[in-house]
Every structure is written in C-alpha cells, then in structure tokens.
Protein backbone atom coordinates (compact mmCIF):
# COMPACT_ATOMS: atom_id res chain seq x y z
CA UNK A 1 -0.53 0.11 -0.65
CA UNK A 2 1.32 3.52 -1.06
CA UNK A 3 0.98 6.52 0.88
CA UNK A 4 0.27 10.11 -0.92
CA UNK A 5 4.51 11.23 -0.26
CA UNK A 6 3.67 15.11 -0.82
CA UNK A 7 1.04 15.18 1.62
CA UNK A 8 3.13 13.32 4.10
CA UNK A 9 5.99 15.76 3.37
CA UNK A 10 3.84 19.12 3.75
CA UNK A 11 2.63 17.88 7.07
CA UNK A 12 6.11 17.62 8.45
CA UNK A 13 6.91 21.32 7.34
CA UNK A 14 3.89 22.58 8.84
CA UNK A 15 4.06 21.17 12.62
CA UNK A 16 7.39 22.76 12.03
CA UNK A 17 6.17 25.98 10.64
CA UNK A 18 3.31 26.02 13.75
CA UNK A 19 6.12 25.15 16.28
CA UNK A 20 6.58 28.95 15.68
CA UNK A 21 3.89 30.35 14.36
CA UNK A 22 2.83 33.01 16.60
CA UNK A 23 5.91 34.60 15.09
CA UNK A 24 4.97 34.43 11.67
CA UNK A 25 4.77 37.90 9.97
CA UNK A 26 1.42 37.92 8.40
CA UNK A 27 1.85 37.00 5.12
CA UNK A 28 3.53 33.81 5.87
CA UNK A 29 0.58 33.13 8.36
CA UNK A 30 -1.56 33.65 5.07
CA UNK A 31 0.66 31.26 3.36
CA UNK A 32 0.96 28.86 6.21
CA UNK A 33 -3.01 28.37 6.63
CA UNK A 34 -3.25 28.34 2.32
CA UNK A 35 -0.83 25.20 2.47
CA UNK A 36 -2.54 23.46 5.20
CA UNK A 37 -5.99 23.98 3.52
CA UNK A 38 -4.09 21.49 0.73
CA UNK A 39 -3.22 19.94 2.59
CA UNK A 40 -6.54 18.74 4.33
CA UNK A 41 -8.15 19.00 0.87
CA UNK A 42 -5.49 16.55 -0.34
CA UNK A 43 -5.83 14.22 2.77
CA UNK A 44 -10.09 14.38 2.30
CA UNK A 45 -10.08 13.22 -1.47
CA UNK A 46 -7.92 10.47 -0.89
CA UNK A 47 -10.49 9.70 2.35
CA UNK A 48 -13.50 10.28 0.17
CA UNK A 49 -12.55 7.40 -2.09
CA UNK A 50 -11.88 5.18 0.49
CA UNK A 51 -15.05 5.85 1.68
CA UNK A 52 -16.85 5.53 -1.85
CA UNK A 53 -15.28 2.41 -1.48
CA UNK A 54 -16.07 1.22 1.74
CA UNK A 55 -19.92 1.95 0.70
CA UNK A 56 -19.63 -0.36 -2.70
CA UNK A 57 -18.19 -2.92 -0.79
CA UNK A 58 -20.99 -2.68 2.03
CA UNK A 59 -23.28 -3.32 -0.52
CA UNK A 60 -24.79 -6.66 0.27
CA UNK A 61 -23.74 -9.53 -2.65
CA UNK A 62 -25.66 -12.65 -3.79
CA UNK A 63 -26.84 -13.05 0.25
CA UNK A 64 -23.56 -12.41 1.39
CA UNK A 65 -22.95 -9.75 4.81
CA UNK A 66 -21.66 -6.58 3.53
CA UNK A 67 -18.39 -4.70 4.92
CA UNK A 68 -20.09 -2.32 7.47
CA UNK A 69 -22.17 -5.51 8.98
CA UNK A 70 -19.32 -7.17 9.44
CA UNK A 71 -16.75 -4.93 10.89
CA UNK A 72 -20.30 -4.52 13.80
CA UNK A 73 -22.03 -1.78 11.89
CA UNK A 74 -25.02 -1.40 10.89
CA UNK A 75 -23.88 0.62 7.61
CA UNK A 76 -21.17 2.05 5.79
CA UNK A 77 -21.79 5.58 7.32
CA UNK A 78 -21.37 4.32 10.96
CA UNK A 79 -18.19 2.43 9.99
CA UNK A 80 -16.89 5.72 8.05
CA UNK A 81 -18.07 7.59 10.86
CA UNK A 82 -16.54 5.32 13.49
CA UNK A 83 -13.14 5.21 11.83
CA UNK A 84 -13.30 9.02 11.33
CA UNK A 85 -14.85 9.88 14.68
CA UNK A 86 -16.77 12.43 12.90
CA UNK A 87 -20.77 12.64 12.25
CA UNK A 88 -22.76 10.15 10.03
CA UNK A 89 -23.29 12.93 8.18
CA UNK A 90 -19.89 13.40 7.73
CA UNK A 91 -19.33 10.20 5.93
CA UNK A 92 -22.01 10.85 4.24
CA UNK A 93 -20.44 14.13 2.31
CA UNK A 94 -17.41 12.22 2.16
CA UNK A 95 -18.42 8.78 0.63
CA UNK A 96 -20.62 11.28 -1.38
CA UNK A 97 -17.68 12.78 -3.12
CA UNK A 98 -15.65 9.41 -3.28
CA UNK A 99 -18.25 8.37 -5.49
CA UNK A 100 -18.26 11.43 -8.03
CA UNK A 101 -14.08 10.83 -7.62
CA UNK A 102 -14.73 6.90 -8.61
CA UNK A 103 -17.21 7.57 -11.49
CA UNK A 104 -14.58 9.80 -13.34
CA UNK A 105 -11.72 7.73 -12.68
CA UNK A 106 -13.31 4.32 -13.38
CA UNK A 107 -14.94 6.72 -16.71
CA UNK A 108 -11.54 7.62 -17.49
CA UNK A 109 -9.98 4.53 -17.29
CA UNK A 110 -12.10 2.93 -19.96
CA UNK A 111 -12.64 5.17 -22.12
CA UNK A 112 -8.66 5.26 -22.25
CA UNK A 113 -9.08 1.15 -23.28
CA UNK A 114 -11.48 1.65 -25.40
CA UNK A 115 -8.94 4.45 -27.18
CA UNK A 116 -6.17 1.91 -27.21
CA UNK A 117 -8.29 -0.47 -28.88
CA UNK A 118 -9.88 -2.64 -26.60
CA UNK A 119 -12.45 -5.57 -27.93
CA UNK A 120 -15.08 -4.79 -25.23
CA UNK A 121 -17.64 -2.29 -25.05
CA UNK A 122 -17.66 0.85 -22.60
CA UNK A 123 -19.92 1.16 -20.00
CA UNK A 124 -20.40 4.21 -19.99
CA UNK A 125 -22.35 6.57 -21.60
CA UNK A 126 -21.75 10.91 -22.44
CA UNK A 127 -22.83 11.20 -18.73
CA UNK A 128 -20.61 8.73 -17.23
CA UNK A 129 -20.96 5.16 -15.84
CA UNK A 130 -24.31 3.23 -15.40
CA UNK A 131 -25.15 3.93 -11.84
CA UNK A 132 -24.47 7.37 -12.48
CA UNK A 133 -23.46 10.81 -14.48
CA UNK A 134 -20.03 11.54 -14.37
CA UNK A 135 -19.17 15.16 -13.42
CA UNK A 136 -16.16 15.87 -14.85
CA UNK A 137 -15.59 19.59 -13.76
CA UNK A 138 -16.35 18.89 -10.51
CA UNK A 139 -14.39 16.09 -9.88
CA UNK A 140 -11.03 17.91 -11.39
CA UNK A 141 -11.78 20.62 -9.12
CA UNK A 142 -12.26 18.07 -6.10
CA UNK A 143 -8.98 16.57 -7.00
CA UNK A 144 -6.78 19.59 -7.31
CA UNK A 145 -7.84 20.51 -4.06
CA UNK A 146 -10.29 23.48 -4.96
CA UNK A 147 -13.54 22.54 -2.84
CA UNK A 148 -13.97 21.24 -0.29
CA UNK A 149 -15.94 18.07 0.82
CA UNK A 150 -19.08 20.16 1.94
CA UNK A 151 -19.00 21.93 -1.08
CA UNK A 152 -17.79 19.24 -3.19
CA UNK A 153 -21.05 17.08 -1.93
CA UNK A 154 -23.49 19.74 -2.05
CA UNK A 155 -23.11 20.19 -6.01
CA UNK A 156 -22.75 16.22 -6.27
CA UNK A 157 -26.25 16.32 -5.37
CA UNK A 158 -27.82 19.23 -7.26
CA UNK A 159 -25.87 18.07 -9.79
CA UNK A 160 -27.89 14.81 -9.46
CA UNK A 161 -31.15 16.79 -9.54
CA UNK A 162 -30.18 18.61 -13.00
CA UNK A 163 -28.67 15.93 -15.10
CA UNK A 164 -33.11 14.43 -14.70
CA UNK A 165 -33.53 16.51 -16.85
CA UNK A 166 -31.29 18.47 -18.87
CA UNK A 167 -29.56 17.39 -22.18
CA UNK A 168 -25.94 16.17 -21.77
CA UNK A 169 -24.43 19.63 -23.19
CA UNK A 170 -26.70 21.68 -21.10
CA UNK A 171 -25.61 19.31 -17.83
CA UNK A 172 -22.27 20.11 -18.90
CA UNK A 173 -22.27 23.75 -19.27
CA UNK A 174 -24.50 24.02 -16.57
CA UNK A 175 -21.77 21.45 -14.53
CA UNK A 176 -19.53 23.95 -15.63
CA UNK A 177 -20.33 27.93 -14.66
CA UNK A 178 -21.80 26.33 -11.32
CA UNK A 179 -18.45 24.81 -10.35
CA UNK A 180 -16.26 27.42 -11.24
CA UNK A 181 -18.41 30.23 -10.01
CA UNK A 182 -18.33 27.87 -6.42
CA UNK A 183 -14.53 27.66 -6.28
CA UNK A 184 -13.29 30.31 -3.67
CA UNK A 185 -16.35 30.76 -1.88
CA UNK A 186 -17.63 29.76 1.97
CA UNK A 187 -20.29 26.98 1.80
CA UNK A 188 -23.34 28.88 2.71
CA UNK A 189 -22.48 31.13 -0.20
CA UNK A 190 -22.03 27.41 -2.46
CA UNK A 191 -25.76 26.59 -1.24
CA UNK A 192 -27.19 29.81 -2.56
CA UNK A 193 -25.42 29.87 -6.09
CA UNK A 194 -26.71 26.20 -6.24
CA UNK A 195 -30.12 27.67 -5.03
CA UNK A 196 -30.39 30.15 -7.71
CA UNK A 197 -28.71 28.26 -10.43
CA UNK A 198 -31.40 25.20 -9.63
CA UNK A 199 -34.21 26.86 -9.56
CA UNK A 200 -34.66 27.94 -13.24
CA UNK A 201 -34.11 24.41 -14.10
CA UNK A 202 -36.43 22.56 -12.14
CA UNK A 203 -39.06 25.31 -11.24
CA UNK A 204 -41.87 22.76 -10.18
CA UNK A 205 -39.51 21.30 -7.46
CA UNK A 206 -39.66 25.20 -6.17
CA UNK A 207 -43.22 25.36 -5.98
CA UNK A 208 -43.55 22.45 -4.22
CA UNK A 209 -40.78 23.50 -2.00
CA UNK A 210 -43.09 26.60 -1.11
CA UNK A 211 -46.40 24.69 -0.73
CA UNK A 212 -44.39 22.26 2.02
CA UNK A 213 -42.58 25.30 3.60
CA UNK A 214 -45.89 27.60 4.23
CA UNK A 215 -47.17 24.30 5.59
CA UNK A 216 -44.71 24.06 7.95
CA UNK A 217 -44.77 27.80 9.66
CA UNK A 218 -45.35 28.44 13.18
CA UNK A 219 -44.83 30.73 15.80
CA UNK A 220 -44.52 29.48 18.98
CA UNK A 221 -44.42 31.26 23.22
CA UNK A 222 -42.92 29.59 26.11
CA UNK A 223 -42.60 30.65 29.42
CA UNK A 224 -39.52 30.15 31.03
CA UNK A 225 -39.27 29.87 35.19
CA UNK A 226 -37.58 32.89 34.96
CA UNK A 227 -40.21 35.18 34.15
CA UNK A 228 -39.16 35.92 30.53
CA UNK A 229 -41.02 34.89 27.17
CA UNK A 230 -39.06 32.93 25.00
CA UNK A 231 -41.04 33.48 21.28
CA UNK A 232 -39.84 30.95 18.09
CA UNK A 233 -41.14 31.57 14.38
CA UNK A 234 -40.36 29.42 11.68
CA UNK A 235 -41.45 31.18 8.13
CA UNK A 236 -41.16 30.07 5.00
CA UNK A 237 -38.83 32.80 2.95
CA UNK A 238 -42.47 35.09 1.26
CA UNK A 239 -43.20 35.24 5.09
CA UNK A 240 -40.47 36.05 6.34
CA UNK A 241 -40.15 38.54 3.68
CA UNK A 242 -41.78 41.71 5.32
CA UNK A 243 -40.46 41.27 8.80
CA UNK A 244 -37.20 40.82 7.96
CA UNK A 245 -37.11 43.63 6.06
CA UNK A 246 -38.74 45.59 8.96
CA UNK A 247 -36.46 44.20 11.90
CA UNK A 248 -33.08 45.84 9.60
CA UNK A 249 -34.88 48.47 8.57
CA UNK A 250 -35.06 48.92 12.58
CA UNK A 251 -32.01 48.12 13.58
CA UNK A 252 -29.99 50.30 10.80
CA UNK A 253 -32.25 53.30 11.82
CA UNK A 254 -31.18 52.71 15.45
CA UNK A 255 -27.54 52.58 14.88
CA UNK A 256 -27.66 55.51 12.27
CA UNK A 257 -29.40 57.99 14.53
CA UNK A 258 -26.29 56.66 17.13
CA UNK A 259 -23.53 57.74 14.86
CA UNK A 260 -25.01 60.87 13.82
CA UNK A 261 -26.07 61.68 17.92
CA UNK A 262 -22.21 60.99 19.17
CA UNK A 263 -21.05 62.51 15.83
CA UNK A 264 -23.21 66.36 16.22
CA UNK A 265 -22.42 65.85 19.89
CA UNK A 266 -18.38 65.35 19.18
CA UNK A 267 -18.42 68.34 16.61
CA UNK A 268 -20.46 70.60 18.63
CA UNK A 269 -23.07 70.53 15.41
CA UNK A 270 -26.11 72.98 15.70
CA UNK A 271 -28.66 69.38 15.66
CA UNK A 272 -26.22 69.03 18.93
CA UNK A 273 -28.72 70.73 20.65
CA UNK A 274 -32.16 68.36 19.77
CA UNK A 275 -33.15 65.16 19.72
CA UNK A 276 -29.40 63.42 19.00
CA UNK A 277 -28.59 65.17 22.24
CA UNK A 278 -30.95 63.78 24.45
CA UNK A 279 -29.96 60.54 22.67
CA UNK A 280 -26.13 61.18 22.64
CA UNK A 281 -26.83 61.49 26.53
CA UNK A 282 -28.66 58.84 27.30
CA UNK A 283 -26.07 56.73 25.63
CA UNK A 284 -23.14 57.99 27.80
CA UNK A 285 -25.24 57.54 30.67
CA UNK A 286 -23.70 55.28 33.94
CA UNK A 287 -24.87 51.88 33.59
CA UNK A 288 -27.17 52.38 30.07
CA UNK A 289 -25.34 50.17 27.49
CA UNK A 290 -25.65 50.35 24.31
CA UNK A 291 -28.53 47.81 22.75
CA UNK A 292 -27.54 44.99 20.37
CA UNK A 293 -28.56 44.32 17.72
CA UNK A 294 -31.02 41.05 18.96
CA UNK A 295 -32.05 43.57 21.65
CA UNK A 296 -33.40 46.32 19.13
CA UNK A 297 -34.94 43.43 17.05
CA UNK A 298 -37.08 42.16 20.30
CA UNK A 299 -38.21 46.56 20.56
CA UNK A 300 -39.20 46.31 16.99
CA UNK A 301 -41.28 43.19 17.53
CA UNK A 302 -43.02 44.83 20.32
CA UNK A 303 -43.15 48.16 18.71
CA UNK A 304 -45.06 46.38 15.91
CA UNK A 305 -47.66 44.51 18.40
CA UNK A 306 -48.33 47.88 20.17
CA UNK A 307 -48.80 49.43 17.16
CA UNK A 308 -51.13 46.80 15.84
CA UNK A 309 -53.44 47.58 19.10
CA UNK A 310 -53.84 51.11 17.91
CA UNK A 311 -51.06 53.33 18.43
CA UNK A 312 -51.21 57.00 17.11
CA UNK A 313 -47.77 56.89 15.48
CA UNK A 314 -47.51 56.50 12.47
CA UNK A 315 -43.87 53.93 11.99
CA UNK A 316 -41.55 55.74 15.14
CA UNK A 317 -39.18 57.12 12.13
CA UNK A 318 -38.73 53.23 10.08
CA UNK A 319 -40.72 52.83 7.03
CA UNK A 320 -39.43 49.58 5.23
CA UNK A 321 -40.50 48.03 1.56
CA UNK A 322 -39.43 44.53 0.24
CA UNK A 323 -38.20 44.60 -3.38
CA UNK A 324 -38.66 41.44 -5.26
CA UNK A 325 -36.77 40.88 -8.61
CA UNK A 326 -38.18 39.37 -11.36
CA UNK A 327 -37.13 38.91 -15.29
CA UNK A 328 -39.63 39.76 -17.67
CA UNK A 329 -40.85 36.96 -19.92
CA UNK A 330 -40.74 34.99 -16.46
CA UNK A 331 -43.49 37.60 -15.13
CA UNK A 332 -45.32 37.14 -18.58
CA UNK A 333 -45.43 33.19 -18.68
CA UNK A 334 -46.19 32.90 -15.24
CA UNK A 335 -43.18 29.80 -15.16
CA UNK A 336 -39.78 30.66 -13.26
CA UNK A 337 -38.20 32.45 -10.96
CA UNK A 338 -37.81 35.44 -8.68
CA UNK A 339 -35.49 36.86 -5.78
CA UNK A 340 -36.66 38.40 -2.83
CA UNK A 341 -33.54 41.24 -1.18
CA UNK A 342 -31.56 39.43 1.38
CA UNK A 343 -33.59 35.30 1.05
CA UNK A 344 -30.76 32.77 1.11
CA UNK A 345 -32.50 30.99 -2.20
CA UNK A 346 -35.47 31.87 -5.39
CA UNK A 347 -39.41 32.06 -5.73
CA UNK A 348 -41.55 31.05 -7.30
CA UNK A 349 -43.73 33.54 -9.85
CA UNK A 350 -46.37 32.61 -8.65
CA UNK A 351 -45.12 33.10 -5.24
CA UNK A 352 -44.75 36.37 -6.26
CA UNK A 353 -47.68 36.55 -7.76
CA UNK A 354 -48.97 36.19 -4.65
CA UNK A 355 -46.74 38.88 -3.33
CA UNK A 356 -47.44 41.85 -5.40
CA UNK A 357 -50.95 42.29 -4.29
CA UNK A 358 -49.38 44.21 -1.12
CA UNK A 359 -48.92 47.67 -1.53
CA UNK A 360 -45.38 47.72 0.31
CA UNK A 361 -44.44 45.21 -2.45
CA UNK A 362 -42.17 46.54 -4.80
CA UNK A 363 -41.56 44.43 -8.39
CA UNK A 364 -38.22 45.52 -9.82
CA UNK A 365 -38.56 43.77 -13.41
CA UNK A 366 -35.63 42.92 -15.31
CA UNK A 367 -35.24 42.87 -19.42
CA UNK A 368 -33.36 40.03 -20.98
CA UNK A 369 -30.14 41.97 -20.50
CA UNK A 370 -30.60 42.56 -17.12
CA UNK A 371 -31.67 46.55 -17.58
CA UNK A 372 -34.26 47.95 -15.36
CA UNK A 373 -37.51 48.08 -16.76
CA UNK A 374 -40.07 49.41 -13.82
CA UNK A 375 -40.05 49.60 -10.23
CA UNK A 376 -43.48 49.27 -9.37
CA UNK A 377 -46.42 52.37 -9.48
CA UNK A 378 -45.37 53.26 -5.57
CA UNK A 379 -43.79 57.48 -5.75
CA UNK A 380 -40.33 57.14 -4.42
CA UNK A 381 -37.15 59.95 -4.03
CA UNK A 382 -34.54 59.68 -6.61
CA UNK A 383 -32.07 58.97 -4.31
CA UNK A 384 -34.37 56.52 -3.20
CA UNK A 385 -34.34 54.97 -7.01
CA UNK A 386 -30.78 54.96 -7.32
CA UNK A 387 -30.25 52.32 -4.18
CA UNK A 388 -32.76 50.20 -5.54
CA UNK A 389 -30.92 50.05 -8.91
CA UNK A 390 -27.86 49.74 -7.24
CA UNK A 391 -29.12 46.71 -5.14
CA UNK A 392 -30.10 44.61 -8.97
CA UNK A 393 -26.71 45.36 -9.80
CA UNK A 394 -24.71 44.66 -6.22
CA UNK A 395 -26.71 42.18 -4.18
CA UNK A 396 -26.17 43.35 -1.12
CA UNK A 397 -22.75 44.36 -0.23
CA UNK A 398 -20.65 44.42 -3.35
CA UNK A 399 -17.29 42.92 -1.24
CA UNK A 400 -19.50 40.74 1.67
CA UNK A 401 -22.14 40.24 0.00
CA UNK A 402 -24.54 40.89 2.83
CA UNK A 403 -28.20 41.54 3.02
CA UNK A 404 -29.13 44.98 0.96
CA UNK A 405 -30.47 46.36 3.81
CA UNK A 406 -27.15 46.24 6.05
CA UNK A 407 -25.72 48.37 3.39
CA UNK A 408 -25.68 51.83 2.03
CA UNK A 409 -24.64 53.25 -1.11
CA UNK A 410 -21.24 54.73 -1.42
CA UNK A 411 -19.31 57.36 -3.92
CA UNK A 412 -16.18 54.74 -5.23
CA UNK A 413 -15.40 58.67 -6.48
CA UNK A 414 -15.46 60.42 -2.81
CA UNK A 415 -17.67 63.49 -3.27
CA UNK A 416 -16.39 66.02 -1.00
CA UNK A 417 -12.26 64.52 -2.25
CA UNK A 418 -12.27 63.46 -5.68
CA UNK A 419 -15.43 66.16 -6.81
CA UNK A 420 -17.04 62.26 -7.14
CA UNK A 421 -20.72 62.51 -8.71
CA UNK A 422 -23.96 60.86 -7.38
CA UNK A 423 -24.32 58.48 -10.79
CA UNK A 424 -25.16 55.24 -10.74
CA UNK A 425 -21.35 54.24 -12.41
CA UNK A 426 -20.09 55.84 -9.30
CA UNK A 427 -22.07 54.18 -6.47
CA UNK A 428 -21.38 50.97 -5.03
CA UNK A 429 -23.55 49.31 -2.42
CA UNK A 430 -21.86 48.41 1.13
CA UNK A 431 -21.66 47.24 4.55
CA UNK A 432 -21.03 49.91 7.35
CA UNK A 433 -17.86 46.91 7.90
CA UNK A 434 -16.48 46.96 3.86
CA UNK A 435 -16.89 50.42 3.76
CA UNK A 436 -14.42 50.70 6.48
CA UNK A 437 -11.86 47.87 5.52
CA UNK A 438 -11.97 49.66 2.13
CA UNK A 439 -10.40 52.82 2.75
CA UNK A 440 -8.37 51.91 5.81
CA UNK A 441 -6.87 49.49 3.39
CA UNK A 442 -6.73 51.41 0.37
CA UNK A 443 -8.83 48.76 -2.25
CA UNK A 444 -9.75 50.80 -5.23
CA UNK A 445 -13.42 49.98 -6.97
CA UNK A 446 -13.94 50.04 -10.52
CA UNK A 447 -17.53 49.34 -12.73
CA UNK A 448 -16.82 48.17 -15.68
CA UNK A 449 -19.31 46.89 -17.42
CA UNK A 450 -22.28 47.11 -14.67
CA UNK A 451 -19.77 44.96 -12.77
CA UNK A 452 -17.96 45.92 -9.46
CA UNK A 453 -14.08 44.84 -9.18
CA UNK A 454 -11.92 45.34 -5.85
CA UNK A 455 -8.93 45.83 -6.60
CA UNK A 456 -6.02 45.32 -3.23
CA UNK A 457 -3.36 47.62 -2.08
CA UNK A 458 0.02 46.34 -3.31
CA UNK A 459 1.04 45.32 0.66
CA UNK A 460 -1.39 42.65 0.38
CA UNK A 461 -1.44 41.42 -3.21
CA UNK A 462 2.31 42.49 -5.19
CA UNK A 463 0.07 42.00 -8.42
CA UNK A 464 -2.88 44.26 -7.47
CA UNK A 465 -5.44 41.83 -9.57
CA UNK A 466 -8.78 42.75 -9.59
CA UNK A 467 -11.35 40.45 -7.82
CA UNK A 468 -14.81 40.24 -9.28
CA UNK A 469 -17.76 41.21 -6.43
CA UNK A 470 -21.64 42.16 -6.68
CA UNK A 471 -23.96 40.17 -7.15
CA UNK A 472 -21.82 38.68 -10.71
CA UNK A 473 -19.28 36.92 -8.13
CA UNK A 474 -22.25 34.32 -6.50
CA UNK A 475 -24.46 34.25 -9.01
CA UNK A 476 -23.86 31.57 -12.27
CA UNK A 477 -25.98 32.61 -15.23
CA UNK A 478 -26.36 29.37 -17.09
CA UNK A 479 -28.13 29.65 -20.55
CA UNK A 480 -29.77 26.05 -21.04
C-alpha cells in the first residue's frame, strides 16, 4: 500500500512551522494557512475515495453480508464515521464526493482502454458509467483541492437533480459554470449559488417546496422559569420577507441615529441641541449600555405589536419596503423564479404574484439584458431609486454579500475629496464594515460593464489583480 508522499512531507513541514506560528509575519501566516488547507483537502480526497469503496463493499452481494455489517456497523456511514471519529452526516458527504471521484476515474480508465483498441464495449455513456452520471468538472476541482468536501457534496447532489432534466450538452454547461463560480466561496454561499442556479432548471420543484414550507410555518410562545418569554418563529421565505425587512430597517435606523448623535455632540453641531443631544446623553449615561442588534430586534417586534393595537404613531421613523426582482419573460409566462432582497434562495413567479398584491412590495422587473424596466407604481425619491438600482447590480454588499438592508450606497470617487458625482457608475453598495475596511486598507473599486471589481492594495497583493464582486460573483448565469 502506498501513501501520498506529498501530503506526508507537507504535514511535516507544517508541523515545523507551527512551532513558531506566533511570530510569523502576516503574509507568512496566511501562506501557511493556505498550505494547511491544501493538505487537508488532499487528505479529504483520499479519505473520500476510501469511504466510497467502503460503501460499495458494504452492499450485500449474492446474499452475503457487506463490509460494514461484517465489521459490526449497521451501515457504511457508521463504519466511516467510527473510523474518522466524526458524524454520520460527515461520512455521507465523504462517500458522496468519493462516488463522484470514483465515477470519473473509472470513466477515464475505460475511455483510455477503448482508445487503445480494446474489444470490450464501454460501460459508459456520455455522462459516465451505468451507476450514475459523471461530473468531470466537479471531480477535477476536488482533485485539485479547489473545493472542500462539503461544497463538493452540495454540488454533486444538485448535479444529480439537474441531470434528470438536462441534456448532456446543457448539463456540461451548467456544471462548468456552477463549479467555477463555487471555487473560493464559503459553504453558505455555495448553497445559495446552487439554489439560484437550480431553480430555473426545475421550477416545479421550487413551487412544491414553497407549498411545503408554507404548511410548516409556526410561531410558539413559551414561558421560562425566570418569567421571560421565549418566542420562536419558523417562517417560509415569502412570509419572512416583510418581517426581516422591518427588523433590519429598525436596527439600521437605530444604529444610524446613534452614530449621528455621537458625531453631532463631538463636533458641537447645532443638531446637538435637539433630539440627538438627548440620545447621545442617554447613551453615555452610567449603567445604560447601548442596545445590541438582538435587543433592537426585540424592541422592533414589541413596537410592531403595539402599533397593531392602535398606536397613533405612523411608523416610529422607520419605513420598510420589500423588493422582489424578476425577469420580464418569466413574469409574462408565469413560469420561472424571482428573488427577494436578502433571501438565501429564489421564489417562484407564482409566489411573486401573490406578494404583488401588497402595496409595500415593489416588483423590480428586468429585461433580457438585466436593464431596469419598471420599479412599480409607488413614488420614491430619486436617491431611493438609485439605491434600488445598486441593489439590483450588487445584490447587497458588493464585497462580502451582506443583505441589502445592512448596506448603504457609497461614492467610489469620494463626494468631497474627489468631487465625485452621484451617478450609478460611481456608486457601490457596501456594508459599514466593508466600507471602513476598504478606506483603511486602500482598496480601489471600479465598475466595468455593470460589474464591480475590487483591486487590493499592493501590500496585500503585489500583482493588484482585480477581484469580481457584487451579484456577478455569487450567481451563475447558465443559459440552458
């Protein structure tokens, strides 16, 4: 039995480096991290291949007991989990990825034999062997260490589903685009990428899932021993949209007022004589800690309930709107998908039409090239319309992909320093943290062909290679 000598050598080098990890400069620390990730992924590929073979041998053969049962385990997942010291869910993902790698390796082997002139007919079609489709782009990315096991399992499951409805040519296009976009993304964003890419291919599945989610909606109130009340809500994406929009707007408004109050007080602005002065004073009062985002969400729910009881105030300074975007052709046909700002997955056009009856829902209708055709009939200030357009292009924070409700539009060329214009081409949607990081570290932002690019400072990247941001970074545009 042979071992991967590269992995063994790298582990030995990493162990030596880790003895002095506290004194490593930033660049070397990040390089060691990347090397450790590469070693881990190479080991995961080996373990996945073993797990897939364990699963294969654990299948009963001609009435005989499989490998897992013979070793005292009820399933192959149990055997792999026991050996790795992990969960059965983790074992299942390893087996799933190993299956993809095994299919691709066997398909390549058979293809090589056939090319060499073997008289035996190939057991593989264009998609792989007879026990399932082959996914060469995914297998190549996994072998190269460009995807984690978790991301690979997520992509493999999605590919199995779309393979049922796509031709070989369209499946290859879908696989290449989605796998390429998934590289470098954390698992949560890979799941979102897959969700939006799969929905147009299997729209009926999306509608069925929406019905199931709506049927599972629930809210419970449970008194605790200390007198507190625990409220738990389980909502489908459509039902949650106005709730999330209101809570995020309330928190954002509170934080903005807090920043303005402190700024006015420190600068002795005339505004400090009014409401902001009282707010700043109350925030500085002894024993009055600033409320957290979670506490502000609780305040928002309480205010909402009181308002429903007949409160005279209109909206306590906070007004929210739910924006849903949809392709014009899908809207006309009544078949397809749409997107709610901040949601992790798409909704069906059927659900959009149900939401459109609400006056506080603005449908953003898009043409075939993504241009904005109609923001609905509700009147908005021009600056608000610009923000909606930025949300359409950037999808949220163009850098970290935080929800739109966390973000503000910022001038790429600064308003005061650079005399920048308030044009869409000079605007970018950023959350507060990314905005500060970009100014502090000296990143450059450019917009080309309606796409946002972030260029790192030379201290972080000597080549200063621009990185794609915005919606284009995390969404696949597959035409099948």
